Amino acid sequence: MPLIYPGDNLAEMLLASMQSARITLEDSDILVVTQKIVSKAEGRLVNLETVTPSKESLELANRSEKDPRLVELILRESNEVLRVRAGTIIVEHRLGFVCASAGIDHSNVHGTEGNSEYWVLLLPEDPDHSALEIRRKIKVATGNRIGVMIIDSHGRAWRQGTIGTAIGISGLPAVVDQRGWQDLFGYRLKITLVAAADELAAAASLVMGEAAEGIPAVHVRGFPYPLREGSLKELIRSKETDLFR
């Protein structure tokens, strides 16, 4: 994939890249796309020099030892601040999931002008819709019925390190309900819900890498569950059942 700029047609670029790699789409294939190129194509770049911190962001910046302008963006992208310590702000993102710094990123981000140190990238406005649009355009161009997933790198409670996580889903299940399925010994499962989208996101993230690998999309074939309509909401745990709040 080439570098992505605001206004680029990701579906066309993905198809061109697959053609170059001699990949032919088939029904039930899945394209896993990193959030970064979706956000760039959608113009979600922000120059911190254009941001004016509020009183609340100034106070939170002092507690977290972060740039007040960045903290202002974090607050704008969040429903609620959950935890704060030096160097870290954990929030409930406006899309419903819990993450650090509202998913705002600086790595592999280069703005349109000025000092690149001041440019950051927000998550897509509506990742499910973004995935749907890519899927729709590919269906029109190829006739193939596929799934599209947008992923990001998130940390996890009780675990070190980041992992690929689904934040936008179209045409594949986010969660597979296995309650009632039998195990090897005939026992029927009672509580098993498989986060199939996150499992696939983690696998794709291994291929993509996190630094200068330059692989922002992964073609998947052989997903072990039937494709169907799905959405991020399937993966969001309610506050009432979230024991980490």
Protein backbone atom coordinates (compact mmCIF):
# COMPACT_ATOMS: atom_id res chain seq x y z
CA MET A 1 0.00 0.00 0.00
CA PRO A 2 1.23 3.53 -0.74
CA LEU A 3 1.08 6.29 1.87
CA ILE A 4 -2.47 7.42 2.54
CA TYR A 5 -3.69 11.02 2.41
CA PRO A 6 -7.03 12.69 3.22
CA GLY A 7 -9.61 11.96 0.56
CA ASP A 8 -7.98 8.79 -0.77
CA ASN A 9 -10.32 6.00 -1.90
CA LEU A 10 -9.25 3.11 0.30
CA ALA A 11 -11.37 0.51 -1.49
CA GLU A 12 -9.71 1.29 -4.83
CA MET A 13 -6.26 1.30 -3.25
CA LEU A 14 -6.87 -2.02 -1.47
CA LEU A 15 -8.03 -3.62 -4.72
CA ALA A 16 -5.01 -2.26 -6.60
CA SER A 17 -2.65 -3.55 -3.92
CA MET A 18 -4.23 -7.00 -3.97
CA GLN A 19 -3.94 -7.10 -7.74
CA SER A 20 -0.27 -6.19 -7.46
CA ALA A 21 0.19 -8.98 -4.90
CA ARG A 22 -1.73 -11.40 -7.19
CA ILE A 23 -4.47 -11.90 -4.61
CA THR A 24 -7.89 -12.70 -6.05
CA LEU A 25 -10.85 -12.09 -3.77
CA GLU A 26 -13.35 -14.84 -3.12
CA ASP A 27 -16.69 -14.83 -1.34
CA SER A 28 -16.30 -15.07 2.46
CA ASP A 29 -12.80 -13.54 2.41
CA ILE A 30 -12.12 -10.80 4.95
CA LEU A 31 -10.02 -7.66 4.70
CA VAL A 32 -8.53 -6.45 7.99
CA VAL A 33 -7.48 -2.82 7.79
CA THR A 34 -5.56 -0.79 10.32
CA GLN A 35 -7.33 2.18 11.84
CA LYS A 36 -4.47 4.43 10.88
CA ILE A 37 -5.05 4.41 7.13
CA VAL A 38 -8.82 4.77 7.59
CA SER A 39 -8.34 7.79 9.85
CA LYS A 40 -5.87 9.34 7.43
CA ALA A 41 -8.17 8.85 4.45
CA GLU A 42 -11.02 10.40 6.43
CA GLY A 43 -8.95 13.44 7.38
CA ARG A 44 -8.82 12.76 11.12
CA LEU A 45 -5.44 14.47 11.43
CA VAL A 46 -5.22 17.31 13.97
CA ASN A 47 -2.41 19.80 14.50
CA LEU A 48 -1.96 20.41 18.24
CA GLU A 49 -1.02 24.02 17.50
CA THR A 50 -4.66 24.61 16.53
CA VAL A 51 -6.04 23.25 19.84
CA THR A 52 -6.92 25.51 22.78
CA PRO A 53 -6.95 23.65 26.12
CA SER A 54 -9.89 24.10 28.47
CA LYS A 55 -9.56 24.53 32.24
CA GLU A 56 -10.45 20.87 32.70
CA SER A 57 -7.79 19.72 30.24
CA LEU A 58 -5.18 21.92 31.92
CA GLU A 59 -5.93 20.33 35.29
CA LEU A 60 -5.88 16.81 33.84
CA ALA A 61 -2.65 17.56 31.95
CA ASN A 62 -1.01 18.52 35.24
CA ARG A 63 -2.06 15.21 36.82
CA SER A 64 -1.07 13.08 33.82
CA GLU A 65 2.03 15.04 32.78
CA LYS A 66 0.74 15.22 29.20
CA ASP A 67 0.50 18.07 26.71
CA PRO A 68 -2.67 20.03 27.61
CA ARG A 69 -3.59 20.27 23.92
CA LEU A 70 -3.47 16.50 23.59
CA VAL A 71 -5.52 16.13 26.77
CA GLU A 72 -8.12 18.48 25.30
CA LEU A 73 -8.49 16.18 22.29
CA ILE A 74 -8.69 13.15 24.59
CA LEU A 75 -11.57 14.74 26.49
CA ARG A 76 -13.39 15.66 23.28
CA GLU A 77 -13.17 12.03 22.09
CA SER A 78 -14.25 10.48 25.39
CA ASN A 79 -17.43 9.81 27.33
CA GLU A 80 -15.66 9.50 30.67
CA VAL A 81 -12.19 9.55 32.24
CA LEU A 82 -11.70 6.33 34.24
CA ARG A 83 -8.10 6.34 35.47
CA VAL A 84 -5.23 8.85 35.55
CA ARG A 85 -1.58 8.49 36.47
CA ALA A 86 1.65 10.07 35.26
CA GLY A 87 1.91 9.33 31.54
CA THR A 88 -1.46 7.58 31.25
CA ILE A 89 -5.11 8.54 30.83
CA ILE A 90 -7.63 5.70 30.55
CA VAL A 91 -11.03 6.67 29.17
CA GLU A 92 -14.27 5.31 27.89
CA HIS A 93 -14.10 6.35 24.25
CA ARG A 94 -17.21 7.95 22.76
CA LEU A 95 -17.62 4.70 20.74
CA GLY A 96 -18.05 2.79 24.01
CA PHE A 97 -14.82 0.86 24.53
CA VAL A 98 -12.17 1.52 27.17
CA CYS A 99 -8.70 2.51 25.96
CA ALA A 100 -5.73 4.77 26.65
CA SER A 101 -5.68 8.37 25.41
CA ALA A 102 -8.94 7.89 23.45
CA GLY A 103 -6.93 6.01 20.83
CA ILE A 104 -5.19 9.20 19.72
CA ASP A 105 -1.88 8.32 18.11
CA HIS A 106 1.32 10.00 16.95
CA SER A 107 3.33 7.08 15.55
CA ASN A 108 3.55 6.88 11.76
CA VAL A 109 1.68 10.20 11.53
CA HIS A 110 2.91 13.02 9.33
CA GLY A 111 0.82 16.14 8.89
CA THR A 112 0.18 18.15 5.77
CA GLU A 113 2.38 21.06 6.81
CA GLY A 114 4.53 22.39 9.64
CA ASN A 115 6.33 20.44 12.35
CA SER A 116 5.30 16.75 12.26
CA GLU A 117 5.78 16.59 16.04
CA TYR A 118 2.53 18.51 16.49
CA TRP A 119 0.31 16.26 14.38
CA VAL A 120 -1.82 13.50 15.91
CA LEU A 121 -4.43 11.13 14.52
CA LEU A 122 -7.91 10.53 15.94
CA LEU A 123 -9.87 7.31 15.50
CA PRO A 124 -12.43 7.24 12.67
CA GLU A 125 -15.68 9.04 13.43
CA ASP A 126 -17.72 5.85 12.89
CA PRO A 127 -15.51 2.78 12.27
CA ASP A 128 -18.46 0.43 11.61
CA HIS A 129 -19.66 2.77 8.86
CA SER A 130 -16.13 3.10 7.51
CA ALA A 131 -15.85 -0.69 7.26
CA LEU A 132 -19.28 -0.86 5.61
CA GLU A 133 -18.31 1.72 2.98
CA ILE A 134 -15.12 -0.15 2.07
CA ARG A 135 -17.07 -3.41 1.86
CA ARG A 136 -19.82 -1.82 -0.24
CA LYS A 137 -17.38 -0.32 -2.75
CA ILE A 138 -15.50 -3.59 -3.09
CA LYS A 139 -18.79 -5.45 -3.63
CA VAL A 140 -19.68 -3.00 -6.44
CA ALA A 141 -16.22 -3.36 -8.02
CA THR A 142 -15.82 -7.15 -7.75
CA GLY A 143 -19.19 -8.70 -6.94
CA ASN A 144 -17.62 -10.53 -3.99
CA ARG A 145 -19.39 -10.78 -0.64
CA ILE A 146 -16.67 -10.23 1.92
CA GLY A 147 -16.19 -8.97 5.46
CA VAL A 148 -14.21 -5.87 6.40
CA MET A 149 -12.75 -5.12 9.80
CA ILE A 150 -10.89 -2.08 11.12
CA ILE A 151 -8.48 -2.70 13.98
CA ASP A 152 -6.38 -0.75 16.46
CA SER A 153 -3.78 -1.64 19.09
CA HIS A 154 -5.08 -1.62 22.67
CA GLY A 155 -3.74 -2.57 26.06
CA ARG A 156 -5.65 -4.93 28.38
CA ALA A 157 -6.44 -5.13 32.07
CA TRP A 158 -4.00 -7.41 33.93
CA ARG A 159 -1.78 -7.89 30.85
CA GLN A 160 1.37 -6.21 29.56
CA GLY A 161 1.65 -5.09 25.95
CA THR A 162 -0.77 -4.15 23.21
CA ILE A 163 -2.84 -6.42 21.00
CA GLY A 164 -4.82 -5.97 17.81
CA THR A 165 -8.45 -5.18 18.65
CA ALA A 166 -11.50 -4.74 16.43
CA ILE A 167 -13.04 -1.26 16.46
CA GLY A 168 -15.05 -1.38 13.22
CA ILE A 169 -16.87 -4.38 11.76
CA SER A 170 -18.98 -5.04 8.67
CA GLY A 171 -20.07 -8.37 7.23
CA LEU A 172 -18.63 -10.69 9.89
CA PRO A 173 -19.56 -11.71 13.43
CA ALA A 174 -17.95 -9.77 16.25
CA VAL A 175 -18.99 -12.38 18.80
CA VAL A 176 -19.85 -16.05 18.25
CA ASP A 177 -22.27 -17.45 20.82
CA GLN A 178 -21.27 -21.04 21.60
CA ARG A 179 -23.72 -21.59 24.43
CA GLY A 180 -25.37 -24.92 23.82
CA TRP A 181 -22.44 -26.27 21.76
CA GLN A 182 -21.05 -29.62 22.93
CA ASP A 183 -17.45 -30.14 24.02
CA LEU A 184 -15.43 -33.32 23.36
CA PHE A 185 -17.25 -35.16 26.13
CA GLY A 186 -20.79 -34.08 25.30
CA TYR A 187 -20.97 -31.32 27.93
CA ARG A 188 -23.06 -28.39 26.68
CA LEU A 189 -21.35 -25.02 27.05
CA LYS A 190 -23.25 -22.54 29.22
CA ILE A 191 -21.38 -19.22 29.12
CA THR A 192 -18.93 -19.34 26.20
CA LEU A 193 -19.01 -16.27 23.95
CA VAL A 194 -16.06 -16.13 21.54
CA ALA A 195 -14.75 -12.67 20.60
CA ALA A 196 -14.06 -13.90 17.07
CA ALA A 197 -13.39 -10.42 15.66
CA ASP A 198 -10.79 -9.67 18.32
CA GLU A 199 -9.14 -13.06 17.79
CA LEU A 200 -8.84 -12.29 14.09
CA ALA A 201 -7.64 -8.75 14.83
CA ALA A 202 -4.83 -10.11 17.00
CA ALA A 203 -3.76 -12.56 14.28
CA ALA A 204 -3.79 -9.84 11.62
CA SER A 205 -1.84 -7.51 13.89
CA LEU A 206 1.01 -10.03 13.99
CA VAL A 207 1.28 -9.70 10.22
CA MET A 208 0.92 -5.92 10.20
CA GLY A 209 3.49 -5.15 12.90
CA GLU A 210 3.60 -2.01 15.03
CA ALA A 211 6.55 0.02 13.72
CA ALA A 212 7.93 0.53 10.20
CA GLU A 213 6.66 -2.66 8.56
CA GLY A 214 4.35 -0.75 6.21
CA ILE A 215 1.62 -3.44 6.09
CA PRO A 216 -1.69 -1.65 6.85
CA ALA A 217 -4.05 -4.33 5.53
CA VAL A 218 -4.28 -8.13 5.66
CA HIS A 219 -6.24 -10.48 3.40
CA VAL A 220 -7.87 -13.33 5.31
CA ARG A 221 -9.24 -16.61 3.98
CA GLY A 222 -10.50 -19.52 6.07
CA PHE A 223 -12.26 -17.67 8.91
CA PRO A 224 -13.89 -20.57 10.79
CA TYR A 225 -17.32 -19.01 11.30
CA PRO A 226 -20.05 -18.09 8.78
CA LEU A 227 -20.06 -14.43 7.77
CA ARG A 228 -23.02 -12.32 8.81
CA GLU A 229 -23.79 -8.73 9.63
CA GLY A 230 -21.94 -7.63 12.75
CA SER A 231 -20.97 -4.51 14.65
CA LEU A 232 -18.66 -3.20 17.34
CA LYS A 233 -21.57 -3.06 19.82
CA GLU A 234 -21.45 -6.85 20.18
CA LEU A 235 -18.04 -6.55 21.84
CA ILE A 236 -18.79 -3.71 24.26
CA ARG A 237 -19.36 -4.91 27.81
CA SER A 238 -22.01 -2.97 29.72
CA LYS A 239 -20.97 -1.00 32.78
CA GLU A 240 -23.15 -3.23 34.94
CA THR A 241 -21.11 -6.32 33.98
CA ASP A 242 -17.70 -4.60 33.83
CA LEU A 243 -15.86 -5.68 36.98
CA PHE A 244 -12.87 -3.42 36.22
CA ARG A 245 -14.82 -0.13 36.57
